[in-house]
């Protein structure tokens, strides 16, 4: 799993978050970062953590930008964990929903955005399991199948 250093702007973003909200985001960050499979790169989007597949690994993308895998942001009224590949993988999405239902927690999720306010709203084990099981190769294969092979 990932041992990448945390970029300065991401560290500053996380450090600036206050109170229980900041604690929740930092804990989710540590969970995701620790579970991240090799090959994903930690960078930032407006300072917030964003894990991508580098263009050196997958240079052909629909917009010329690295493929986004996971992002984490503190929003105005809640926090968001974006599990982008779940939107394009119905089997993985269904498994995530099933696992979440079994946890007894209410799922507050859009297409790929898991919304939470506190740590009581998330199951860190499910997040770690979900993040850790999609290799770069699997993500790229699924992406190419959807975008280039139909």
Protein backbone atom coordinates (compact mmCIF):
# COMPACT_ATOMS: atom_id res chain seq x y z
CA UNK A 1 0.00 0.00 0.00
CA UNK A 2 0.96 3.65 -0.41
CA UNK A 3 3.87 5.17 1.44
CA UNK A 4 3.97 8.35 -0.64
CA UNK A 5 4.87 11.57 1.11
CA UNK A 6 2.05 14.07 1.53
CA UNK A 7 2.46 17.16 -0.69
CA UNK A 8 2.81 20.45 1.22
CA UNK A 9 -0.45 21.93 -0.10
CA UNK A 10 -2.39 18.82 1.00
CA UNK A 11 -0.76 18.90 4.45
CA UNK A 12 -1.66 22.59 4.78
CA UNK A 13 -5.24 21.93 3.65
CA UNK A 14 -5.68 19.16 6.22
CA UNK A 15 -4.04 21.17 9.00
CA UNK A 16 -6.33 24.16 8.38
CA UNK A 17 -9.51 22.15 9.00
CA UNK A 18 -10.79 22.77 12.50
CA UNK A 19 -12.62 20.84 15.20
CA UNK A 20 -14.51 17.59 14.81
CA UNK A 21 -14.85 18.20 11.09
CA UNK A 22 -11.10 18.46 10.65
CA UNK A 23 -10.55 15.36 12.77
CA UNK A 24 -12.99 13.42 10.57
CA UNK A 25 -11.38 14.52 7.31
CA UNK A 26 -7.85 13.83 8.58
CA UNK A 27 -8.86 10.35 9.81
CA UNK A 28 -10.53 9.49 6.50
CA UNK A 29 -7.43 10.83 4.69
CA UNK A 30 -5.13 8.58 6.74
CA UNK A 31 -7.41 5.59 6.08
CA UNK A 32 -7.45 6.20 2.33
CA UNK A 33 -3.76 7.04 2.12
CA UNK A 34 -2.77 3.90 4.04
CA UNK A 35 -5.02 1.69 1.91
CA UNK A 36 -4.05 3.18 -1.46
CA UNK A 37 -2.62 0.56 -3.85
CA UNK A 38 0.77 1.20 -5.43
CA UNK A 39 0.78 3.19 -8.66
CA UNK A 40 -1.69 5.90 -7.70
CA UNK A 41 -0.22 9.34 -7.16
CA UNK A 42 -1.24 11.71 -4.38
CA UNK A 43 -1.62 15.28 -5.54
CA UNK A 44 -4.17 17.95 -4.94
CA UNK A 45 -7.17 19.71 -6.36
CA UNK A 46 -7.36 23.21 -4.88
CA UNK A 47 -5.24 21.89 -2.02
CA UNK A 48 -7.53 18.99 -1.16
CA UNK A 49 -6.20 15.42 -1.51
CA UNK A 50 -6.61 13.78 -4.92
CA UNK A 51 -5.22 10.40 -5.92
CA UNK A 52 -4.79 9.87 -9.65
CA UNK A 53 -3.24 7.59 -12.21
CA UNK A 54 -0.31 9.60 -13.55
CA UNK A 55 -0.23 10.46 -17.26
CA UNK A 56 3.07 8.56 -17.48
CA UNK A 57 1.05 5.40 -16.71
CA UNK A 58 -2.12 6.25 -18.68
CA UNK A 59 -1.42 9.07 -21.15
CA UNK A 60 -4.62 8.69 -23.17
CA UNK A 61 -7.53 10.22 -21.27
CA UNK A 62 -10.68 11.93 -22.46
CA UNK A 63 -9.50 15.35 -21.23
CA UNK A 64 -5.71 15.03 -21.20
CA UNK A 65 -5.68 15.07 -17.38
CA UNK A 66 -4.67 12.21 -15.07
CA UNK A 67 -7.49 9.79 -14.27
CA UNK A 68 -8.95 10.58 -10.85
CA UNK A 69 -9.39 7.66 -8.49
CA UNK A 70 -10.23 9.13 -5.05
CA UNK A 71 -10.61 12.68 -3.75
CA UNK A 72 -11.44 14.09 -0.34
CA UNK A 73 -12.89 17.56 0.28
CA UNK A 74 -14.39 19.53 3.13
CA UNK A 75 -17.51 21.17 1.73
CA UNK A 76 -19.58 23.94 3.35
CA UNK A 77 -22.13 21.62 5.02
CA UNK A 78 -20.47 18.21 4.89
CA UNK A 79 -17.33 16.38 3.83
CA UNK A 80 -17.05 14.44 0.59
CA UNK A 81 -15.11 11.32 -0.26
CA UNK A 82 -15.20 10.87 -4.01
CA UNK A 83 -14.79 7.22 -5.03
CA UNK A 84 -14.79 7.97 -8.76
CA UNK A 85 -14.34 4.50 -10.15
CA UNK A 86 -17.50 3.25 -8.39
CA UNK A 87 -19.51 5.33 -10.85
CA UNK A 88 -18.08 3.34 -13.77
CA UNK A 89 -18.03 -0.11 -12.19
CA UNK A 90 -21.55 -1.35 -11.35
CA UNK A 91 -20.27 -4.53 -9.67
CA UNK A 92 -17.97 -2.62 -7.32
CA UNK A 93 -20.68 -0.03 -6.68
CA UNK A 94 -23.22 -2.73 -5.75
CA UNK A 95 -20.67 -4.38 -3.43
CA UNK A 96 -19.96 -1.06 -1.73
CA UNK A 97 -23.68 -0.40 -1.19
CA UNK A 98 -24.18 -3.94 0.16
CA UNK A 99 -21.22 -3.62 2.53
CA UNK A 100 -22.44 -0.24 3.74
CA UNK A 101 -25.97 -1.55 4.38
CA UNK A 102 -24.50 -4.40 6.42
CA UNK A 103 -22.64 -1.85 8.58
CA UNK A 104 -25.92 -0.39 9.80
CA UNK A 105 -24.88 3.13 8.82
CA UNK A 106 -27.03 5.35 6.63
CA UNK A 107 -25.49 5.73 3.16
CA UNK A 108 -25.46 9.35 2.00
CA UNK A 109 -24.01 9.02 -1.49
CA UNK A 110 -24.39 10.48 -4.94
CA UNK A 111 -22.97 8.84 -8.06
CA UNK A 112 -19.50 8.62 -6.55
CA UNK A 113 -19.58 11.05 -3.63
CA UNK A 114 -19.85 9.66 -0.11
CA UNK A 115 -21.01 12.53 2.12
CA UNK A 116 -20.29 12.59 5.86
CA UNK A 117 -20.20 15.11 8.68
CA UNK A 118 -18.46 13.18 11.45
CA UNK A 119 -16.56 9.94 11.93
CA UNK A 120 -19.79 8.39 13.25
CA UNK A 121 -21.12 8.63 9.66
CA UNK A 122 -18.42 6.46 8.07
CA UNK A 123 -17.12 2.92 8.26
CA UNK A 124 -13.37 3.24 7.90
CA UNK A 125 -12.91 -0.50 7.32
CA UNK A 126 -15.27 -0.44 4.33
CA UNK A 127 -13.52 2.63 2.94
CA UNK A 128 -10.10 0.99 3.31
CA UNK A 129 -11.32 -2.28 1.77
CA UNK A 130 -12.95 -0.48 -1.15
CA UNK A 131 -9.97 1.75 -1.90
CA UNK A 132 -7.40 -1.04 -1.58
CA UNK A 133 -8.97 -3.52 -3.96
CA UNK A 134 -8.79 -1.62 -7.26
CA UNK A 135 -5.34 -1.82 -8.81
CA UNK A 136 -4.17 0.73 -11.34
CA UNK A 137 -4.26 -2.00 -13.99
CA UNK A 138 -7.89 -2.86 -13.22
CA UNK A 139 -8.92 0.80 -13.22
CA UNK A 140 -7.17 1.46 -16.55
CA UNK A 141 -8.64 -1.66 -18.14
CA UNK A 142 -12.14 -0.64 -17.07
CA UNK A 143 -11.55 2.93 -18.28
CA UNK A 144 -10.31 1.77 -21.68
CA UNK A 145 -13.19 -0.68 -22.03
CA UNK A 146 -15.73 2.05 -21.38
CA UNK A 147 -14.08 4.83 -23.37
CA UNK A 148 -12.26 3.16 -26.24
CA UNK A 149 -13.62 -0.35 -26.71
CA UNK A 150 -17.26 0.51 -26.18
